[in-house]
């Protein structure tokens, strides 16, 4: 049996509000990755930005999170994570990726992955550049 690399998809953004296309993005990404025959998507994470993002008309994070949770009520694999929204200032996407990477390692009781840069997360969306 062929080994499939497990992945978690991550979407960062304002989700002001979350839309059907945000959720569809996860489905399309998962289907594509499964079709490659190399990956098994084990989860999806929606990570709304903090209130300090500075976007005009940005609804408070607690409301954006509540809307996303309602939108994802029927999903058995995509969840909303509050961590990024609870930061005092806007977080670069790479910081959010590192946070979720560490959390996934902890939840699966993995000390480190065998190869450098072998992250179990794929960035599904986000406008921020990966710097730092």
N, C-alpha and C. Protein backbone atom coordinates (compact mmCIF):
# COMPACT_ATOMS: atom_id res chain seq x y z
N UNK A 1 0.84 -1.18 0.00
CA UNK A 1 0.00 0.00 0.00
C UNK A 1 0.88 1.25 0.00
N UNK A 2 0.54 2.19 -0.84
CA UNK A 2 1.32 3.41 -0.98
C UNK A 2 1.09 4.33 0.22
N UNK A 3 2.20 4.93 0.72
CA UNK A 3 2.11 5.87 1.84
C UNK A 3 1.61 7.22 1.34
N UNK A 4 0.57 7.73 1.96
CA UNK A 4 0.05 9.06 1.64
C UNK A 4 0.47 10.02 2.73
N UNK A 5 1.01 11.16 2.34
CA UNK A 5 1.44 12.17 3.30
C UNK A 5 0.21 12.88 3.86
N UNK A 6 0.03 12.87 5.19
CA UNK A 6 -1.12 13.58 5.77
C UNK A 6 -0.89 15.09 5.76
N UNK A 7 -1.93 15.84 5.42
CA UNK A 7 -1.85 17.30 5.38
C UNK A 7 -3.05 17.92 6.06
N UNK A 8 -2.83 19.09 6.61
CA UNK A 8 -3.91 19.95 7.10
C UNK A 8 -3.87 21.22 6.26
N UNK A 9 -5.02 21.65 5.77
CA UNK A 9 -5.11 22.87 4.98
C UNK A 9 -5.40 24.04 5.90
N UNK A 10 -4.77 25.17 5.62
CA UNK A 10 -4.93 26.36 6.44
C UNK A 10 -5.30 27.55 5.56
N UNK A 11 -6.35 28.27 5.95
CA UNK A 11 -6.72 29.50 5.27
C UNK A 11 -6.72 30.64 6.28
N UNK A 12 -5.89 31.64 6.01
CA UNK A 12 -5.83 32.84 6.84
C UNK A 12 -6.55 33.96 6.10
N UNK A 13 -7.17 34.85 6.85
CA UNK A 13 -7.83 35.98 6.20
C UNK A 13 -8.79 36.67 7.15
N UNK A 14 -9.49 37.64 6.63
CA UNK A 14 -10.41 38.39 7.49
C UNK A 14 -11.73 37.63 7.68
N UNK A 15 -12.17 36.90 6.65
CA UNK A 15 -13.45 36.20 6.70
C UNK A 15 -14.54 37.16 7.19
N UNK A 16 -14.65 38.24 6.44
CA UNK A 16 -15.48 39.39 6.82
C UNK A 16 -16.58 39.65 5.80
N UNK A 17 -17.55 38.76 5.66
CA UNK A 17 -17.81 37.51 6.38
C UNK A 17 -17.25 36.31 5.61
N UNK A 18 -17.36 35.15 6.22
CA UNK A 18 -17.01 33.92 5.53
C UNK A 18 -18.04 33.71 4.42
N UNK A 19 -17.60 33.15 3.30
CA UNK A 19 -18.50 32.94 2.16
C UNK A 19 -18.47 31.47 1.74
N UNK A 20 -19.40 31.12 0.86
CA UNK A 20 -19.40 29.76 0.30
C UNK A 20 -18.10 29.47 -0.43
N UNK A 21 -17.53 30.49 -1.07
CA UNK A 21 -16.29 30.27 -1.81
C UNK A 21 -15.11 30.00 -0.88
N UNK A 22 -15.10 30.58 0.31
CA UNK A 22 -14.06 30.23 1.28
C UNK A 22 -14.11 28.73 1.57
N UNK A 23 -15.30 28.24 1.81
CA UNK A 23 -15.45 26.82 2.14
C UNK A 23 -15.17 25.95 0.92
N UNK A 24 -15.58 26.41 -0.25
CA UNK A 24 -15.36 25.66 -1.48
C UNK A 24 -13.86 25.54 -1.78
N UNK A 25 -13.10 26.56 -1.43
CA UNK A 25 -11.66 26.53 -1.61
C UNK A 25 -11.05 25.29 -0.96
N UNK A 26 -11.50 24.98 0.24
CA UNK A 26 -11.01 23.80 0.94
C UNK A 26 -11.35 22.52 0.19
N UNK A 27 -12.58 22.44 -0.30
CA UNK A 27 -13.01 21.24 -1.03
C UNK A 27 -12.18 21.04 -2.30
N UNK A 28 -11.97 22.12 -3.05
CA UNK A 28 -11.20 22.03 -4.29
C UNK A 28 -9.75 21.62 -3.99
N UNK A 29 -9.16 22.25 -2.98
CA UNK A 29 -7.78 21.93 -2.61
C UNK A 29 -7.68 20.47 -2.17
N UNK A 30 -8.60 20.03 -1.34
CA UNK A 30 -8.58 18.64 -0.86
C UNK A 30 -8.72 17.67 -2.03
N UNK A 31 -9.69 17.92 -2.91
CA UNK A 31 -9.89 17.03 -4.06
C UNK A 31 -8.65 16.95 -4.93
N UNK A 32 -8.03 18.10 -5.19
CA UNK A 32 -6.82 18.12 -6.02
C UNK A 32 -5.69 17.32 -5.35
N UNK A 33 -5.46 17.56 -4.07
CA UNK A 33 -4.38 16.87 -3.38
C UNK A 33 -4.63 15.36 -3.33
N UNK A 34 -5.87 14.95 -3.13
CA UNK A 34 -6.18 13.52 -3.13
C UNK A 34 -5.95 12.91 -4.52
N UNK A 35 -6.28 13.67 -5.57
CA UNK A 35 -6.12 13.16 -6.93
C UNK A 35 -4.66 12.95 -7.31
N UNK A 36 -3.74 13.62 -6.65
CA UNK A 36 -2.32 13.42 -6.96
C UNK A 36 -1.86 12.03 -6.54
N UNK A 37 -2.59 11.42 -5.62
CA UNK A 37 -2.21 10.12 -5.12
C UNK A 37 -1.07 10.16 -4.12
N UNK A 38 -0.69 11.38 -3.68
CA UNK A 38 0.43 11.53 -2.76
C UNK A 38 0.02 11.96 -1.36
N UNK A 39 -1.17 12.55 -1.24
CA UNK A 39 -1.56 13.19 0.01
C UNK A 39 -2.91 12.71 0.50
N UNK A 40 -3.07 12.80 1.83
CA UNK A 40 -4.36 12.55 2.48
C UNK A 40 -4.63 13.76 3.36
N UNK A 41 -5.64 14.55 2.99
CA UNK A 41 -5.98 15.73 3.78
C UNK A 41 -6.74 15.26 5.01
N UNK A 42 -6.20 15.60 6.17
CA UNK A 42 -6.80 15.14 7.43
C UNK A 42 -7.59 16.23 8.14
N UNK A 43 -7.49 17.46 7.65
CA UNK A 43 -8.24 18.53 8.30
C UNK A 43 -8.06 19.85 7.59
N UNK A 44 -8.88 20.79 8.01
CA UNK A 44 -8.81 22.15 7.49
C UNK A 44 -8.99 23.13 8.62
N UNK A 45 -8.29 24.24 8.56
CA UNK A 45 -8.35 25.27 9.60
C UNK A 45 -8.62 26.62 8.96
N UNK A 46 -9.64 27.30 9.46
CA UNK A 46 -9.91 28.68 9.10
C UNK A 46 -9.38 29.53 10.24
N UNK A 47 -8.51 30.48 9.90
CA UNK A 47 -7.84 31.30 10.90
C UNK A 47 -8.12 32.78 10.63
N UNK A 48 -9.16 33.34 11.26
CA UNK A 48 -9.46 34.76 11.07
C UNK A 48 -8.40 35.67 11.71
N UNK A 49 -8.12 36.79 11.04
CA UNK A 49 -7.13 37.75 11.54
C UNK A 49 -7.63 38.45 12.80
N UNK A 50 -6.69 39.10 13.48
CA UNK A 50 -7.04 39.85 14.70
C UNK A 50 -7.75 41.15 14.33
N UNK A 51 -8.37 41.74 15.32
CA UNK A 51 -9.07 43.01 15.12
C UNK A 51 -8.11 44.12 14.73
N UNK A 52 -6.82 43.95 15.00
CA UNK A 52 -5.81 44.96 14.71
C UNK A 52 -5.34 44.93 13.25
N UNK A 53 -5.97 44.11 12.42
CA UNK A 53 -5.57 43.97 11.02
C UNK A 53 -5.62 45.29 10.27
N UNK A 54 -6.56 46.15 10.64
CA UNK A 54 -6.60 47.49 10.04
C UNK A 54 -7.47 47.60 8.80
N UNK A 55 -8.19 46.57 8.46
CA UNK A 55 -9.06 46.62 7.29
C UNK A 55 -10.31 47.45 7.61
N UNK A 56 -10.60 48.40 6.74
CA UNK A 56 -11.78 49.24 6.97
C UNK A 56 -13.04 48.37 6.94
N UNK A 57 -13.91 48.59 7.93
CA UNK A 57 -15.16 47.85 8.01
C UNK A 57 -15.03 46.45 8.58
N UNK A 58 -13.88 46.14 9.14
CA UNK A 58 -13.66 44.80 9.71
C UNK A 58 -14.55 44.61 10.93
N UNK A 59 -15.37 43.59 10.89
CA UNK A 59 -16.24 43.24 12.01
C UNK A 59 -15.38 42.62 13.10
N UNK A 60 -15.76 42.79 14.37
CA UNK A 60 -14.99 42.23 15.48
C UNK A 60 -14.77 40.73 15.29
N UNK A 61 -13.60 40.29 15.71
CA UNK A 61 -13.21 38.90 15.53
C UNK A 61 -14.22 37.94 16.13
N UNK A 62 -14.75 38.26 17.29
CA UNK A 62 -15.70 37.34 17.93
C UNK A 62 -16.92 37.09 17.05
N UNK A 63 -17.35 38.10 16.29
CA UNK A 63 -18.48 37.95 15.38
C UNK A 63 -18.08 37.15 14.13
N UNK A 64 -16.89 37.43 13.60
CA UNK A 64 -16.41 36.69 12.43
C UNK A 64 -16.21 35.22 12.75
N UNK A 65 -15.73 34.94 13.95
CA UNK A 65 -15.55 33.55 14.38
C UNK A 65 -16.90 32.87 14.53
N UNK A 66 -17.85 33.56 15.14
CA UNK A 66 -19.19 32.98 15.31
C UNK A 66 -19.82 32.68 13.95
N UNK A 67 -19.67 33.60 12.98
CA UNK A 67 -20.21 33.35 11.63
C UNK A 67 -19.55 32.14 10.99
N UNK A 68 -18.23 32.04 11.13
CA UNK A 68 -17.50 30.92 10.54
C UNK A 68 -17.91 29.60 11.19
N UNK A 69 -18.08 29.60 12.50
CA UNK A 69 -18.51 28.38 13.19
C UNK A 69 -19.89 27.94 12.72
N UNK A 70 -20.78 28.89 12.54
CA UNK A 70 -22.11 28.55 12.02
C UNK A 70 -22.03 27.99 10.60
N UNK A 71 -21.19 28.61 9.77
CA UNK A 71 -21.04 28.16 8.39
C UNK A 71 -20.45 26.76 8.31
N UNK A 72 -19.65 26.39 9.30
CA UNK A 72 -18.95 25.10 9.28
C UNK A 72 -19.60 24.04 10.16
N UNK A 73 -20.78 24.32 10.66
CA UNK A 73 -21.46 23.37 11.56
C UNK A 73 -21.56 21.95 10.99
N UNK A 74 -21.75 21.84 9.70
CA UNK A 74 -21.92 20.52 9.10
C UNK A 74 -20.62 19.91 8.60
N UNK A 75 -19.52 20.63 8.71
CA UNK A 75 -18.25 20.08 8.24
C UNK A 75 -17.65 19.17 9.30
N UNK A 76 -17.20 18.01 8.87
CA UNK A 76 -16.56 17.09 9.80
C UNK A 76 -15.03 17.15 9.70
N UNK A 77 -14.53 18.11 8.90
CA UNK A 77 -13.08 18.17 8.76
C UNK A 77 -12.50 19.59 8.75
N UNK A 78 -13.32 20.61 8.61
CA UNK A 78 -12.83 21.99 8.66
C UNK A 78 -13.29 22.61 9.98
N UNK A 79 -12.38 23.32 10.62
CA UNK A 79 -12.72 23.97 11.88
C UNK A 79 -12.19 25.41 11.90
N UNK A 80 -12.73 26.20 12.80
CA UNK A 80 -12.28 27.58 13.00
C UNK A 80 -11.32 27.58 14.18
N UNK A 81 -10.22 28.29 14.04
CA UNK A 81 -9.27 28.41 15.14
C UNK A 81 -9.16 29.88 15.54
N UNK A 82 -9.24 30.16 16.83
CA UNK A 82 -9.24 31.54 17.35
C UNK A 82 -7.86 32.14 17.55
N UNK A 83 -6.83 31.33 17.55
CA UNK A 83 -5.51 31.80 17.98
C UNK A 83 -5.09 33.09 17.29
N UNK A 84 -5.11 33.12 15.97
CA UNK A 84 -4.66 34.32 15.25
C UNK A 84 -5.50 35.54 15.62
N UNK A 85 -6.80 35.35 15.75
CA UNK A 85 -7.69 36.48 16.06
C UNK A 85 -7.47 37.01 17.48
N UNK A 86 -6.88 36.21 18.35
CA UNK A 86 -6.65 36.62 19.73
C UNK A 86 -5.31 37.32 19.94
N UNK A 87 -4.51 37.43 18.90
CA UNK A 87 -3.22 38.11 19.03
C UNK A 87 -3.45 39.61 19.11
N UNK A 88 -2.61 40.29 19.86
CA UNK A 88 -2.77 41.74 20.07
C UNK A 88 -2.53 42.54 18.80
N UNK A 89 -1.78 41.98 17.89
CA UNK A 89 -1.51 42.67 16.62
C UNK A 89 -1.63 41.67 15.48
N UNK A 90 -1.68 42.20 14.28
CA UNK A 90 -1.77 41.36 13.09
C UNK A 90 -0.55 40.44 13.02
N UNK A 91 -0.76 39.19 12.63
CA UNK A 91 0.33 38.21 12.54
C UNK A 91 0.60 37.87 11.08
N UNK A 92 1.87 37.87 10.70
CA UNK A 92 2.23 37.42 9.36
C UNK A 92 1.83 35.96 9.21
N UNK A 93 1.52 35.58 8.00
CA UNK A 93 1.07 34.21 7.74
C UNK A 93 2.08 33.17 8.21
N UNK A 94 3.36 33.45 8.05
CA UNK A 94 4.37 32.48 8.46
C UNK A 94 4.30 32.23 9.97
N UNK A 95 3.96 33.24 10.76
CA UNK A 95 3.81 33.07 12.21
C UNK A 95 2.62 32.15 12.50
N UNK A 96 1.55 32.33 11.77
CA UNK A 96 0.35 31.49 11.95
C UNK A 96 0.66 30.05 11.54
N UNK A 97 1.39 29.89 10.44
CA UNK A 97 1.79 28.55 10.00
C UNK A 97 2.63 27.86 11.07
N UNK A 98 3.60 28.57 11.62
CA UNK A 98 4.46 27.99 12.66
C UNK A 98 3.64 27.57 13.89
N UNK A 99 2.70 28.43 14.28
CA UNK A 99 1.86 28.10 15.43
C UNK A 99 1.10 26.80 15.20
N UNK A 100 0.43 26.69 14.05
CA UNK A 100 -0.38 25.50 13.78
C UNK A 100 0.49 24.26 13.57
N UNK A 101 1.65 24.46 13.00
CA UNK A 101 2.60 23.36 12.84
C UNK A 101 2.96 22.77 14.21
N UNK A 102 3.32 23.64 15.14
CA UNK A 102 3.67 23.19 16.49
C UNK A 102 2.48 22.52 17.18
N UNK A 103 1.30 23.07 17.01
CA UNK A 103 0.10 22.49 17.63
C UNK A 103 -0.20 21.11 17.05
N UNK A 104 -0.04 20.95 15.75
CA UNK A 104 -0.26 19.65 15.12
C UNK A 104 0.76 18.63 15.61
N UNK A 105 2.01 19.05 15.72
CA UNK A 105 3.02 18.13 16.24
C UNK A 105 2.67 17.68 17.65
N UNK A 106 2.24 18.63 18.48
CA UNK A 106 1.86 18.29 19.87
C UNK A 106 0.66 17.34 19.88
N UNK A 107 -0.33 17.63 19.08
CA UNK A 107 -1.56 16.82 19.10
C UNK A 107 -1.31 15.40 18.59
N UNK A 108 -0.30 15.23 17.75
CA UNK A 108 0.02 13.90 17.24
C UNK A 108 1.23 13.29 17.95
N UNK A 109 1.68 13.97 19.00
CA UNK A 109 2.81 13.52 19.82
C UNK A 109 4.05 13.21 18.98
N UNK A 110 4.38 14.16 18.10
CA UNK A 110 5.56 14.04 17.25
C UNK A 110 6.57 15.08 17.72
N UNK A 111 7.79 14.65 17.95
CA UNK A 111 8.82 15.61 18.39
C UNK A 111 9.29 16.47 17.24
N UNK A 112 9.58 15.85 16.12
CA UNK A 112 9.97 16.58 14.92
C UNK A 112 9.70 15.68 13.74
N UNK A 113 9.60 16.27 12.59
CA UNK A 113 9.38 15.49 11.39
C UNK A 113 10.73 15.06 10.81
N UNK A 114 10.77 13.95 10.09
CA UNK A 114 12.04 13.39 9.63
C UNK A 114 12.85 14.30 8.73
N UNK A 115 12.21 15.07 7.86
CA UNK A 115 12.94 15.94 6.94
C UNK A 115 12.66 17.39 7.29
N UNK A 116 13.66 18.23 7.12
CA UNK A 116 13.49 19.66 7.36
C UNK A 116 12.44 20.21 6.39
N UNK A 117 11.63 21.16 6.86
CA UNK A 117 10.58 21.81 6.07
C UNK A 117 9.50 20.84 5.60
N UNK A 118 9.32 19.74 6.29
CA UNK A 118 8.29 18.77 5.96
C UNK A 118 7.06 19.08 6.81
N UNK A 119 6.42 20.20 6.54
CA UNK A 119 5.29 20.65 7.34
C UNK A 119 4.03 19.89 7.00
N UNK A 120 3.23 19.51 8.01
CA UNK A 120 1.98 18.82 7.73
C UNK A 120 0.84 19.80 7.43
N UNK A 121 1.19 21.00 6.98
CA UNK A 121 0.19 22.03 6.71
C UNK A 121 0.41 22.55 5.30
N UNK A 122 -0.64 22.74 4.58
CA UNK A 122 -0.56 23.43 3.30
C UNK A 122 -1.39 24.69 3.42
N UNK A 123 -0.85 25.78 2.94
CA UNK A 123 -1.56 27.06 3.00
C UNK A 123 -2.57 27.08 1.87
N UNK A 124 -3.84 27.11 2.23
CA UNK A 124 -4.91 27.08 1.23
C UNK A 124 -5.17 28.46 0.66
N UNK A 125 -5.01 29.48 1.45
CA UNK A 125 -5.30 30.84 0.98
C UNK A 125 -4.67 31.84 1.91
N UNK A 126 -4.60 33.08 1.47
CA UNK A 126 -4.08 34.16 2.28
C UNK A 126 -3.31 35.14 1.43
N UNK A 127 -3.47 36.39 1.71
CA UNK A 127 -2.84 37.42 0.90
C UNK A 127 -1.46 37.80 1.42
N UNK A 128 -1.11 37.41 2.63
CA UNK A 128 0.18 37.80 3.22
C UNK A 128 1.31 37.02 2.57
N UNK A 129 2.45 37.68 2.45
CA UNK A 129 3.62 36.98 1.92
C UNK A 129 4.29 36.21 3.04
N UNK A 130 4.95 35.13 2.69
CA UNK A 130 5.66 34.32 3.68
C UNK A 130 7.04 34.90 3.85
N UNK A 131 7.22 35.67 4.91
CA UNK A 131 8.52 36.27 5.20
C UNK A 131 8.90 35.95 6.63
N UNK A 132 10.12 36.22 6.97
CA UNK A 132 10.56 36.08 8.37
C UNK A 132 11.17 34.80 8.58
